[in-house]
PDB file of all heavy atoms in Angstrom:
ATOM      1  N   ARG A   1      52.253-129.834  18.463  1.00  0.00           N
ATOM      2  CA  ARG A   1      53.044-130.204  17.294  1.00  0.00           C
ATOM      3  C   ARG A   1      53.583-128.953  16.607  1.00  0.00           C
ATOM      4  O   ARG A   1      52.977-127.876  16.655  1.00  0.00           O
ATOM      5  CB  ARG A   1      52.203-130.998  16.290  1.00  0.00           C
ATOM      6  CG  ARG A   1      51.653-132.308  16.800  1.00  0.00           C
ATOM      7  CD  ARG A   1      51.156-133.153  15.615  1.00  0.00           C
ATOM      8  NE  ARG A   1      50.377-132.360  14.673  1.00  0.00           N
ATOM      9  CZ  ARG A   1      49.043-132.258  14.688  1.00  0.00           C
ATOM     10  NH1 ARG A   1      48.346-132.875  15.630  1.00  0.00           N
ATOM     11  NH2 ARG A   1      48.423-131.522  13.776  1.00  0.00           N
ATOM     12  N   LEU A   2      54.697-129.101  15.922  1.00  0.00           N
ATOM     13  CA  LEU A   2      55.345-127.957  15.297  1.00  0.00           C
ATOM     14  C   LEU A   2      54.484-127.350  14.193  1.00  0.00           C
ATOM     15  O   LEU A   2      54.474-126.128  14.011  1.00  0.00           O
ATOM     16  CB  LEU A   2      56.715-128.352  14.751  1.00  0.00           C
ATOM     17  CG  LEU A   2      57.543-127.207  14.161  1.00  0.00           C
ATOM     18  CD1 LEU A   2      57.731-126.086  15.190  1.00  0.00           C
ATOM     19  CD2 LEU A   2      58.885-127.717  13.666  1.00  0.00           C
ATOM     20  N   ASP A   3      53.743-128.160  13.436  1.00  0.00           N
ATOM     21  CA  ASP A   3      52.897-127.597  12.393  1.00  0.00           C
ATOM     22  C   ASP A   3      51.799-126.724  12.999  1.00  0.00           C
ATOM     23  O   ASP A   3      51.454-125.668  12.446  1.00  0.00           O
ATOM     24  CB  ASP A   3      52.298-128.701  11.518  1.00  0.00           C
ATOM     25  CG  ASP A   3      51.435-129.678  12.298  1.00  0.00           C
ATOM     26  OD1 ASP A   3      51.839-130.091  13.399  1.00  0.00           O
ATOM     27  OD2 ASP A   3      50.347-130.032  11.798  1.00  0.00           O
ATOM     28  N   GLU A   4      51.264-127.119  14.160  1.00  0.00           N
ATOM     29  CA  GLU A   4      50.264-126.313  14.848  1.00  0.00           C
ATOM     30  C   GLU A   4      50.880-125.018  15.375  1.00  0.00           C
ATOM     31  O   GLU A   4      50.285-123.944  15.282  1.00  0.00           O
ATOM     32  CB  GLU A   4      49.652-127.102  16.007  1.00  0.00           C
ATOM     33  CG  GLU A   4      48.880-128.325  15.588  1.00  0.00           C
ATOM     34  CD  GLU A   4      48.406-129.147  16.776  1.00  0.00           C
ATOM     35  OE1 GLU A   4      49.140-129.190  17.791  1.00  0.00           O
ATOM     36  OE2 GLU A   4      47.305-129.726  16.685  1.00  0.00           O
ATOM     37  N   ARG A   5      52.085-125.123  15.917  1.00  0.00           N
ATOM     38  CA  ARG A   5      52.777-123.941  16.439  1.00  0.00           C
ATOM     39  C   ARG A   5      53.117-122.970  15.319  1.00  0.00           C
ATOM     40  O   ARG A   5      52.982-121.751  15.478  1.00  0.00           O
ATOM     41  CB  ARG A   5      54.045-124.367  17.166  1.00  0.00           C
ATOM     42  CG  ARG A   5      53.806-125.110  18.474  1.00  0.00           C
ATOM     43  CD  ARG A   5      55.089-125.752  18.975  1.00  0.00           C
ATOM     44  NE  ARG A   5      56.190-124.795  19.039  1.00  0.00           N
ATOM     45  CZ  ARG A   5      57.483-125.144  19.077  1.00  0.00           C
ATOM     46  NH1 ARG A   5      57.827-126.429  19.032  1.00  0.00           N
ATOM     47  NH2 ARG A   5      58.426-124.220  19.139  1.00  0.00           N
ATOM     48  N   LEU A   6      53.565-123.508  14.173  1.00  0.00           N
ATOM     49  CA  LEU A   6      53.896-122.649  13.043  1.00  0.00           C
ATOM     50  C   LEU A   6      52.650-121.928  12.537  1.00  0.00           C
ATOM     51  O   LEU A   6      52.696-120.728  12.245  1.00  0.00           O
ATOM     52  CB  LEU A   6      54.526-123.472  11.919  1.00  0.00           C
ATOM     53  CG  LEU A   6      54.861-122.701  10.627  1.00  0.00           C
ATOM     54  CD1 LEU A   6      55.783-121.525  10.917  1.00  0.00           C
ATOM     55  CD2 LEU A   6      55.474-123.643   9.592  1.00  0.00           C
ATOM     56  N   ALA A   7      51.538-122.637  12.453  1.00  0.00           N
ATOM     57  CA  ALA A   7      50.287-122.008  12.022  1.00  0.00           C
ATOM     58  C   ALA A   7      49.880-120.898  12.986  1.00  0.00           C
ATOM     59  O   ALA A   7      49.474-119.810  12.566  1.00  0.00           O
ATOM     60  CB  ALA A   7      49.174-123.053  11.912  1.00  0.00           C
ATOM     61  N   ARG A   8      49.997-121.168  14.290  1.00  0.00           N
ATOM     62  CA  ARG A   8      49.655-120.147  15.293  1.00  0.00           C
ATOM     63  C   ARG A   8      50.544-118.922  15.132  1.00  0.00           C
ATOM     64  O   ARG A   8      50.068-117.778  15.157  1.00  0.00           O
ATOM     65  CB  ARG A   8      49.819-120.727  16.705  1.00  0.00           C
ATOM     66  CG  ARG A   8      49.701-119.685  17.822  1.00  0.00           C
ATOM     67  CD  ARG A   8      50.037-120.271  19.180  1.00  0.00           C
ATOM     68  NE  ARG A   8      51.400-120.748  19.297  1.00  0.00           N
ATOM     69  CZ  ARG A   8      52.462-119.971  19.555  1.00  0.00           C
ATOM     70  NH1 ARG A   8      52.317-118.666  19.683  1.00  0.00           N
ATOM     71  NH2 ARG A   8      53.661-120.494  19.664  1.00  0.00           N
ATOM     72  N   TRP A   9      51.844-119.148  14.971  1.00  0.00           N
ATOM     73  CA  TRP A   9      52.782-118.040  14.882  1.00  0.00           C
ATOM     74  C   TRP A   9      52.540-117.208  13.625  1.00  0.00           C
ATOM     75  O   TRP A   9      52.579-115.980  13.669  1.00  0.00           O
ATOM     76  CB  TRP A   9      54.206-118.592  14.903  1.00  0.00           C
ATOM     77  CG  TRP A   9      55.246-117.526  14.987  1.00  0.00           C
ATOM     78  CD1 TRP A   9      55.589-116.779  16.079  1.00  0.00           C
ATOM     79  CD2 TRP A   9      56.076-117.074  13.911  1.00  0.00           C
ATOM     80  NE1 TRP A   9      56.593-115.887  15.751  1.00  0.00           N
ATOM     81  CE2 TRP A   9      56.904-116.051  14.434  1.00  0.00           C
ATOM     82  CE3 TRP A   9      56.205-117.439  12.567  1.00  0.00           C
ATOM     83  CZ2 TRP A   9      57.841-115.385  13.651  1.00  0.00           C
ATOM     84  CZ3 TRP A   9      57.139-116.774  11.787  1.00  0.00           C
ATOM     85  CH2 TRP A   9      57.938-115.765  12.339  1.00  0.00           C
ATOM     86  N   LEU A  10      52.251-117.877  12.505  1.00  0.00           N
ATOM     87  CA  LEU A  10      51.973-117.148  11.273  1.00  0.00           C
ATOM     88  C   LEU A  10      50.696-116.318  11.397  1.00  0.00           C
ATOM     89  O   LEU A  10      50.615-115.201  10.873  1.00  0.00           O
ATOM     90  CB  LEU A  10      51.859-118.123  10.097  1.00  0.00           C
ATOM     91  CG  LEU A  10      53.171-118.757   9.626  1.00  0.00           C
ATOM     92  CD1 LEU A  10      52.898-119.814   8.567  1.00  0.00           C
ATOM     93  CD2 LEU A  10      54.130-117.696   9.095  1.00  0.00           C
ATOM     94  N   LEU A  11      49.701-116.845  12.102  1.00  0.00           N
ATOM     95  CA  LEU A  11      48.463-116.093  12.329  1.00  0.00           C
ATOM     96  C   LEU A  11      48.743-114.829  13.141  1.00  0.00           C
ATOM     97  O   LEU A  11      48.219-113.747  12.824  1.00  0.00           O
ATOM     98  CB  LEU A  11      47.435-116.960  13.052  1.00  0.00           C
ATOM     99  CG  LEU A  11      46.773-118.055  12.224  1.00  0.00           C
ATOM    100  CD1 LEU A  11      46.021-119.026  13.134  1.00  0.00           C
ATOM    101  CD2 LEU A  11      45.817-117.457  11.189  1.00  0.00           C
ATOM    102  N   MET A  12      49.542-114.950  14.189  1.00  0.00           N
ATOM    103  CA  MET A  12      49.866-113.795  15.016  1.00  0.00           C
ATOM    104  C   MET A  12      50.618-112.736  14.207  1.00  0.00           C
ATOM    105  O   MET A  12      50.366-111.533  14.341  1.00  0.00           O
ATOM    106  CB  MET A  12      50.702-114.229  16.219  1.00  0.00           C
ATOM    107  CG  MET A  12      49.953-115.087  17.224  1.00  0.00           C
ATOM    108  SD  MET A  12      50.984-115.608  18.616  1.00  0.00           S
ATOM    109  CE  MET A  12      51.351-114.030  19.366  1.00  0.00           C
ATOM    110  N   LEU A  13      51.529-113.183  13.360  1.00  0.00           N
ATOM    111  CA  LEU A  13      52.281-112.247  12.533  1.00  0.00           C
ATOM    112  C   LEU A  13      51.372-111.626  11.469  1.00  0.00           C
ATOM    113  O   LEU A  13      51.453-110.425  11.187  1.00  0.00           O
ATOM    114  CB  LEU A  13      53.458-112.975  11.887  1.00  0.00           C
ATOM    115  CG  LEU A  13      54.635-112.106  11.444  1.00  0.00           C
ATOM    116  CD1 LEU A  13      55.216-111.338  12.628  1.00  0.00           C
ATOM    117  CD2 LEU A  13      55.708-112.956  10.788  1.00  0.00           C
ATOM    118  N   HIS A  14      50.500-112.444  10.897  1.00  0.00           N
ATOM    119  CA  HIS A  14      49.572-111.970   9.868  1.00  0.00           C
ATOM    120  C   HIS A  14      48.642-110.899  10.434  1.00  0.00           C
ATOM    121  O   HIS A  14      48.320-109.912   9.753  1.00  0.00           O
ATOM    122  CB  HIS A  14      48.768-113.153   9.331  1.00  0.00           C
ATOM    123  CG  HIS A  14      47.934-112.829   8.132  1.00  0.00           C
ATOM    124  ND1 HIS A  14      46.609-113.169   8.045  1.00  0.00           N
ATOM    125  CD2 HIS A  14      48.237-112.181   6.965  1.00  0.00           C
ATOM    126  CE1 HIS A  14      46.130-112.767   6.879  1.00  0.00           C
ATOM    127  NE2 HIS A  14      47.092-112.168   6.212  1.00  0.00           N
ATOM    128  N   ASP A  15      48.215-111.067  11.671  1.00  0.00           N
ATOM    129  CA  ASP A  15      47.371-110.056  12.323  1.00  0.00           C
ATOM    130  C   ASP A  15      48.045-108.697  12.367  1.00  0.00           C
ATOM    131  O   ASP A  15      47.374-107.656  12.329  1.00  0.00           O
ATOM    132  CB  ASP A  15      47.044-110.477  13.765  1.00  0.00           C
ATOM    133  CG  ASP A  15      45.992-111.560  13.839  1.00  0.00           C
ATOM    134  OD1 ASP A  15      45.231-111.720  12.866  1.00  0.00           O
ATOM    135  OD2 ASP A  15      45.932-112.246  14.876  1.00  0.00           O
ATOM    136  N   ARG A  16      49.350-108.693  12.489  1.00  0.00           N
ATOM    137  CA  ARG A  16      50.105-107.457  12.673  1.00  0.00           C
ATOM    138  C   ARG A  16      50.791-106.987  11.396  1.00  0.00           C
ATOM    139  O   ARG A  16      51.559-106.038  11.426  1.00  0.00           O
ATOM    140  CB  ARG A  16      51.137-107.676  13.791  1.00  0.00           C
ATOM    141  CG  ARG A  16      50.483-107.922  15.149  1.00  0.00           C
ATOM    142  CD  ARG A  16      51.432-108.569  16.139  1.00  0.00           C
ATOM    143  NE  ARG A  16      50.823-108.681  17.452  1.00  0.00           N
ATOM    144  CZ  ARG A  16      50.019-109.677  17.838  1.00  0.00           C
ATOM    145  NH1 ARG A  16      49.723-110.658  16.977  1.00  0.00           N
ATOM    146  NH2 ARG A  16      49.506-109.709  19.047  1.00  0.00           N
ATOM    147  N   ALA A  17      50.540-107.667  10.287  1.00  0.00           N
ATOM    148  CA  ALA A  17      51.151-107.324   9.006  1.00  0.00           C
ATOM    149  C   ALA A  17      50.233-106.395   8.216  1.00  0.00           C
ATOM    150  O   ALA A  17      49.059-106.230   8.550  1.00  0.00           O
ATOM    151  CB  ALA A  17      51.451-108.588   8.210  1.00  0.00           C
ATOM    152  N   GLU A  18      50.780-105.815   7.162  1.00  0.00           N
ATOM    153  CA  GLU A  18      50.004-104.900   6.340  1.00  0.00           C
ATOM    154  C   GLU A  18      49.392-105.588   5.127  1.00  0.00           C
ATOM    155  O   GLU A  18      48.540-105.021   4.455  1.00  0.00           O
ATOM    156  CB  GLU A  18      50.893-103.746   5.854  1.00  0.00           C
ATOM    157  CG  GLU A  18      51.346-102.800   6.951  1.00  0.00           C
ATOM    158  CD  GLU A  18      52.448-103.386   7.818  1.00  0.00           C
ATOM    159  OE1 GLU A  18      53.407-103.961   7.260  1.00  0.00           O
ATOM    160  OE2 GLU A  18      52.340-103.286   9.057  1.00  0.00           O
ATOM    161  N   ASP A  19      49.824-106.802   4.841  1.00  0.00           N
ATOM    162  CA  ASP A  19      49.275-107.545   3.707  1.00  0.00           C
ATOM    163  C   ASP A  19      49.486-109.033   3.931  1.00  0.00           C
ATOM    164  O   ASP A  19      50.014-109.455   4.960  1.00  0.00           O
ATOM    165  CB  ASP A  19      49.912-107.089   2.388  1.00  0.00           C
ATOM    166  CG  ASP A  19      51.440-107.107   2.439  1.00  0.00           C
ATOM    167  OD1 ASP A  19      52.007-108.136   2.865  1.00  0.00           O
ATOM    168  OD2 ASP A  19      52.065-106.107   2.050  1.00  0.00           O
ATOM    169  N   ASP A  20      49.059-109.834   2.972  1.00  0.00           N
ATOM    170  CA  ASP A  20      49.132-111.292   3.112  1.00  0.00           C
ATOM    171  C   ASP A  20      50.541-111.834   2.934  1.00  0.00           C
ATOM    172  O   ASP A  20      50.851-112.918   3.415  1.00  0.00           O
ATOM    173  CB  ASP A  20      48.210-111.969   2.095  1.00  0.00           C
ATOM    174  CG  ASP A  20      46.738-111.732   2.391  1.00  0.00           C
ATOM    175  OD1 ASP A  20      46.404-111.485   3.563  1.00  0.00           O
ATOM    176  OD2 ASP A  20      45.918-111.777   1.445  1.00  0.00           O
ATOM    177  N   ARG A  21      51.363-111.103   2.229  1.00  0.00           N
ATOM    178  CA  ARG A  21      52.750-111.540   2.017  1.00  0.00           C
ATOM    179  C   ARG A  21      53.629-110.941   3.107  1.00  0.00           C
ATOM    180  O   ARG A  21      53.640-109.728   3.329  1.00  0.00           O
ATOM    181  CB  ARG A  21      53.243-111.111   0.635  1.00  0.00           C
ATOM    182  CG  ARG A  21      54.700-111.451   0.411  1.00  0.00           C
ATOM    183  CD  ARG A  21      55.115-111.278  -1.023  1.00  0.00           C
ATOM    184  NE  ARG A  21      56.564-111.136  -1.140  1.00  0.00           N
ATOM    185  CZ  ARG A  21      57.258-111.377  -2.242  1.00  0.00           C
ATOM    186  NH1 ARG A  21      56.642-111.773  -3.335  1.00  0.00           N
ATOM    187  NH2 ARG A  21      58.565-111.219  -2.271  1.00  0.00           N
ATOM    188  N   ILE A  22      54.376-111.803   3.776  1.00  0.00           N
ATOM    189  CA  ILE A  22      55.203-111.400   4.906  1.00  0.00           C
ATOM    190  C   ILE A  22      56.650-111.764   4.600  1.00  0.00           C
ATOM    191  O   ILE A  22      56.949-112.900   4.233  1.00  0.00           O
ATOM    192  CB  ILE A  22      54.749-112.120   6.194  1.00  0.00           C
ATOM    193  CG1 ILE A  22      53.255-111.897   6.439  1.00  0.00           C
ATOM    194  CG2 ILE A  22      55.556-111.643   7.391  1.00  0.00           C
ATOM    195  CD1 ILE A  22      52.665-112.784   7.524  1.00  0.00           C
ATOM    196  N   ASP A  23      57.532-110.789   4.748  1.00  0.00           N
ATOM    197  CA  ASP A  23      58.956-111.054   4.516  1.00  0.00           C
ATOM    198  C   ASP A  23      59.515-111.863   5.678  1.00  0.00           C
ATOM    199  O   ASP A  23      59.639-111.374   6.792  1.00  0.00           O
ATOM    200  CB  ASP A  23      59.723-109.738   4.375  1.00  0.00           C
ATOM    201  CG  ASP A  23      59.363-108.990   3.105  1.00  0.00           C
ATOM    202  OD1 ASP A  23      58.939-109.649   2.140  1.00  0.00           O
ATOM    203  OD2 ASP A  23      59.495-107.751   3.084  1.00  0.00           O
ATOM    204  N   LEU A  24      59.857-113.121   5.385  1.00  0.00           N
ATOM    205  CA  LEU A  24      60.370-114.047   6.397  1.00  0.00           C
ATOM    206  C   LEU A  24      61.305-115.042   5.739  1.00  0.00           C
ATOM    207  O   LEU A  24      61.026-115.533   4.649  1.00  0.00           O
ATOM    208  CB  LEU A  24      59.230-114.839   7.046  1.00  0.00           C
ATOM    209  CG  LEU A  24      58.351-114.183   8.099  1.00  0.00           C
ATOM    210  CD1 LEU A  24      57.206-115.135   8.439  1.00  0.00           C
ATOM    211  CD2 LEU A  24      59.139-113.846   9.341  1.00  0.00           C
ATOM    212  N   THR A  25      62.383-115.347   6.393  1.00  0.00           N
ATOM    213  CA  THR A  25      63.237-116.435   5.941  1.00  0.00           C
ATOM    214  C   THR A  25      63.016-117.646   6.846  1.00  0.00           C
ATOM    215  O   THR A  25      62.443-117.533   7.930  1.00  0.00           O
ATOM    216  CB  THR A  25      64.722-116.038   5.999  1.00  0.00           C
ATOM    217  OG1 THR A  25      65.102-115.853   7.377  1.00  0.00           O
ATOM    218  CG2 THR A  25      64.963-114.746   5.227  1.00  0.00           C
ATOM    219  N   GLN A  26      63.478-118.797   6.386  1.00  0.00           N
ATOM    220  CA  GLN A  26      63.386-119.986   7.243  1.00  0.00           C
ATOM    221  C   GLN A  26      64.196-119.809   8.515  1.00  0.00           C
ATOM    222  O   GLN A  26      63.808-120.298   9.587  1.00  0.00           O
ATOM    223  CB  GLN A  26      63.869-121.217   6.470  1.00  0.00           C
ATOM    224  CG  GLN A  26      62.912-121.659   5.378  1.00  0.00           C
ATOM    225  CD  GLN A  26      63.309-122.960   4.736  1.00  0.00           C
ATOM    226  OE1 GLN A  26      62.567-123.514   3.940  1.00  0.00           O
ATOM    227  NE2 GLN A  26      64.463-123.487   5.062  1.00  0.00           N
ATOM    228  N   ALA A  27      65.297-119.071   8.414  1.00  0.00           N
ATOM    229  CA  ALA A  27      66.101-118.812   9.604  1.00  0.00           C
ATOM    230  C   ALA A  27      65.335-117.959  10.605  1.00  0.00           C
ATOM    231  O   ALA A  27      65.434-118.175  11.818  1.00  0.00           O
ATOM    232  CB  ALA A  27      67.404-118.109   9.209  1.00  0.00           C
ATOM    233  N   ASP A  28      64.564-116.979  10.100  1.00  0.00           N
ATOM    234  CA  ASP A  28      63.736-116.163  10.992  1.00  0.00           C
ATOM    235  C   ASP A  28      62.759-117.034  11.769  1.00  0.00           C
ATOM    236  O   ASP A  28      62.632-116.935  12.988  1.00  0.00           O
ATOM    237  CB  ASP A  28      62.933-115.127  10.193  1.00  0.00           C
ATOM    238  CG  ASP A  28      63.804-114.065   9.555  1.00  0.00           C
ATOM    239  OD1 ASP A  28      64.909-113.812  10.072  1.00  0.00           O
ATOM    240  OD2 ASP A  28      63.374-113.492   8.545  1.00  0.00           O
ATOM    241  N   ILE A  29      62.048-117.884  11.028  1.00  0.00           N
ATOM    242  CA  ILE A  29      61.026-118.732  11.654  1.00  0.00           C
ATOM    243  C   ILE A  29      61.666-119.703  12.636  1.00  0.00           C
ATOM    244  O   ILE A  29      61.157-119.911  13.742  1.00  0.00           O
ATOM    245  CB  ILE A  29      60.234-119.495  10.571  1.00  0.00           C
ATOM    246  CG1 ILE A  29      59.528-118.501   9.636  1.00  0.00           C
ATOM    247  CG2 ILE A  29      59.214-120.423  11.211  1.00  0.00           C
ATOM    248  CD1 ILE A  29      58.872-119.141   8.438  1.00  0.00           C
ATOM    249  N   ALA A  30      62.778-120.295  12.239  1.00  0.00           N
ATOM    250  CA  ALA A  30      63.465-121.241  13.119  1.00  0.00           C
ATOM    251  C   ALA A  30      63.882-120.561  14.418  1.00  0.00           C
ATOM    252  O   ALA A  30      63.753-121.126  15.505  1.00  0.00           O
ATOM    253  CB  ALA A  30      64.682-121.826  12.413  1.00  0.00           C
ATOM    254  N   GLY A  31      64.383-119.328  14.300  1.00  0.00           N
ATOM    255  CA  GLY A  31      64.797-118.599  15.490  1.00  0.00           C
ATOM    256  C   GLY A  31      63.642-118.286  16.418  1.00  0.00           C
ATOM    257  O   GLY A  31      63.767-118.357  17.646  1.00  0.00           O
ATOM    258  N   MET A  32      62.483-117.940  15.853  1.00  0.00           N
ATOM    259  CA  MET A  32      61.318-117.619  16.674  1.00  0.00           C
ATOM    260  C   MET A  32      60.765-118.853  17.388  1.00  0.00           C
ATOM    261  O   MET A  32      60.342-118.786  18.534  1.00  0.00           O
ATOM    262  CB  MET A  32      60.211-117.002  15.817  1.00  0.00           C
ATOM    263  CG  MET A  32      60.543-115.641  15.216  1.00  0.00           C
ATOM    264  SD  MET A  32      60.995-114.383  16.425  1.00  0.00           S
ATOM    265  CE  MET A  32      62.777-114.332  16.207  1.00  0.00           C
ATOM    266  N   LEU A  33      60.771-119.980  16.683  1.00  0.00           N
ATOM    267  CA  LEU A  33      60.185-121.200  17.246  1.00  0.00           C
ATOM    268  C   LEU A  33      61.198-122.066  17.987  1.00  0.00           C
ATOM    269  O   LEU A  33      60.821-123.046  18.630  1.00  0.00           O
ATOM    270  CB  LEU A  33      59.534-122.025  16.119  1.00  0.00           C
ATOM    271  CG  LEU A  33      58.363-121.352  15.389  1.00  0.00           C
ATOM    272  CD1 LEU A  33      57.827-122.261  14.288  1.00  0.00           C
ATOM    273  CD2 LEU A  33      57.249-120.981  16.355  1.00  0.00           C
ATOM    274  N   GLY A  34      62.473-121.726  17.890  1.00  0.00           N
ATOM    275  CA  GLY A  34      63.491-122.478  18.606  1.00  0.00           C
ATOM    276  C   GLY A  34      63.749-123.858  18.044  1.00  0.00           C
ATOM    277  O   GLY A  34      63.983-124.810  18.797  1.00  0.00           O
ATOM    278  N   VAL A  35      63.697-123.981  16.693  1.00  0.00           N
ATOM    279  CA  VAL A  35      63.927-125.269  16.049  1.00  0.00           C
ATOM    280  C   VAL A  35      64.943-125.098  14.925  1.00  0.00           C
ATOM    281  O   VAL A  35      65.372-123.982  14.616  1.00  0.00           O
ATOM    282  CB  VAL A  35      62.619-125.859  15.476  1.00  0.00           C
ATOM    283  CG1 VAL A  35      61.624-126.121  16.600  1.00  0.00           C
ATOM    284  CG2 VAL A  35      62.002-124.918  14.437  1.00  0.00           C
ATOM    285  N   ARG A  36      65.326-126.210  14.293  1.00  0.00           N
ATOM    286  CA  ARG A  36      66.295-126.164  13.202  1.00  0.00           C
ATOM    287  C   ARG A  36      65.631-125.672  11.911  1.00  0.00           C
ATOM    288  O   ARG A  36      64.442-125.879  11.697  1.00  0.00           O
ATOM    289  CB  ARG A  36      66.911-127.538  12.974  1.00  0.00           C
ATOM    290  CG  ARG A  36      67.742-128.053  14.149  1.00  0.00           C
ATOM    291  CD  ARG A  36      68.374-129.391  13.825  1.00  0.00           C
ATOM    292  NE  ARG A  36      67.380-130.408  13.500  1.00  0.00           N
ATOM    293  CZ  ARG A  36      67.215-130.941  12.301  1.00  0.00           C
ATOM    294  NH1 ARG A  36      67.987-130.556  11.289  1.00  0.00           N
ATOM    295  NH2 ARG A  36      66.290-131.851  12.092  1.00  0.00           N
ATOM    296  N   ARG A  37      66.421-125.062  11.031  1.00  0.00           N
ATOM    297  CA  ARG A  37      65.887-124.572   9.761  1.00  0.00           C
ATOM    298  C   ARG A  37      65.331-125.726   8.926  1.00  0.00           C
ATOM    299  O   ARG A  37      64.305-125.569   8.247  1.00  0.00           O
ATOM    300  CB  ARG A  37      66.989-123.851   8.984  1.00  0.00           C
ATOM    301  CG  ARG A  37      67.398-122.524   9.596  1.00  0.00           C
ATOM    302  CD  ARG A  37      68.594-121.909   8.890  1.00  0.00           C
ATOM    303  NE  ARG A  37      68.351-121.685   7.478  1.00  0.00           N
ATOM    304  CZ  ARG A  37      69.247-121.167   6.632  1.00  0.00           C
ATOM    305  NH1 ARG A  37      70.453-120.851   7.079  1.00  0.00           N
ATOM    306  NH2 ARG A  37      68.962-120.979   5.369  1.00  0.00           N
ATOM    307  N   ALA A  38      65.997-126.870   8.960  1.00  0.00           N
ATOM    308  CA  ALA A  38      65.525-128.008   8.173  1.00  0.00           C
ATOM    309  C   ALA A  38      64.145-128.448   8.635  1.00  0.00           C
ATOM    310  O   ALA A  38      63.295-128.846   7.820  1.00  0.00           O
ATOM    311  CB  ALA A  38      66.524-129.162   8.283  1.00  0.00           C
ATOM    312  N   THR A  39      63.898-128.364   9.933  1.00  0.00           N
ATOM    313  CA  THR A  39      62.590-128.739  10.479  1.00  0.00           C
ATOM    314  C   THR A  39      61.521-127.766  10.014  1.00  0.00           C
ATOM    315  O   THR A  39      60.399-128.170   9.667  1.00  0.00           O
ATOM    316  CB  THR A  39      62.644-128.763  12.014  1.00  0.00           C
ATOM    317  OG1 THR A  39      63.695-129.631  12.437  1.00  0.00           O
ATOM    318  CG2 THR A  39      61.328-129.249  12.597  1.00  0.00           C
ATOM    319  N   VAL A  40      61.852-126.484   9.989  1.00  0.00           N
ATOM    320  CA  VAL A  40      60.906-125.478   9.504  1.00  0.00           C
ATOM    321  C   VAL A  40      60.544-125.751   8.052  1.00  0.00           C
ATOM    322  O   VAL A  40      59.385-125.639   7.647  1.00  0.00           O
ATOM    323  CB  VAL A  40      61.501-124.065   9.645  1.00  0.00           C
ATOM    324  CG1 VAL A  40      60.634-123.036   8.916  1.00  0.00           C
ATOM    325  CG2 VAL A  40      61.616-123.690  11.108  1.00  0.00           C
TER     326      VAL A  40
END
C-alpha cells in the first residue's frame, strides 16, 4: 500500500538526514514514489 511505501521511504531518508525535519515537497515525494501529487 502507498501509506506503507511512504513510511518506508521517509524512514530511509530520515536515516540519511541530519535532523528530524526534512526539506521535501509533495512533488518530490510523488516523483520518488511514481504517483500523483494529490495521492501523496
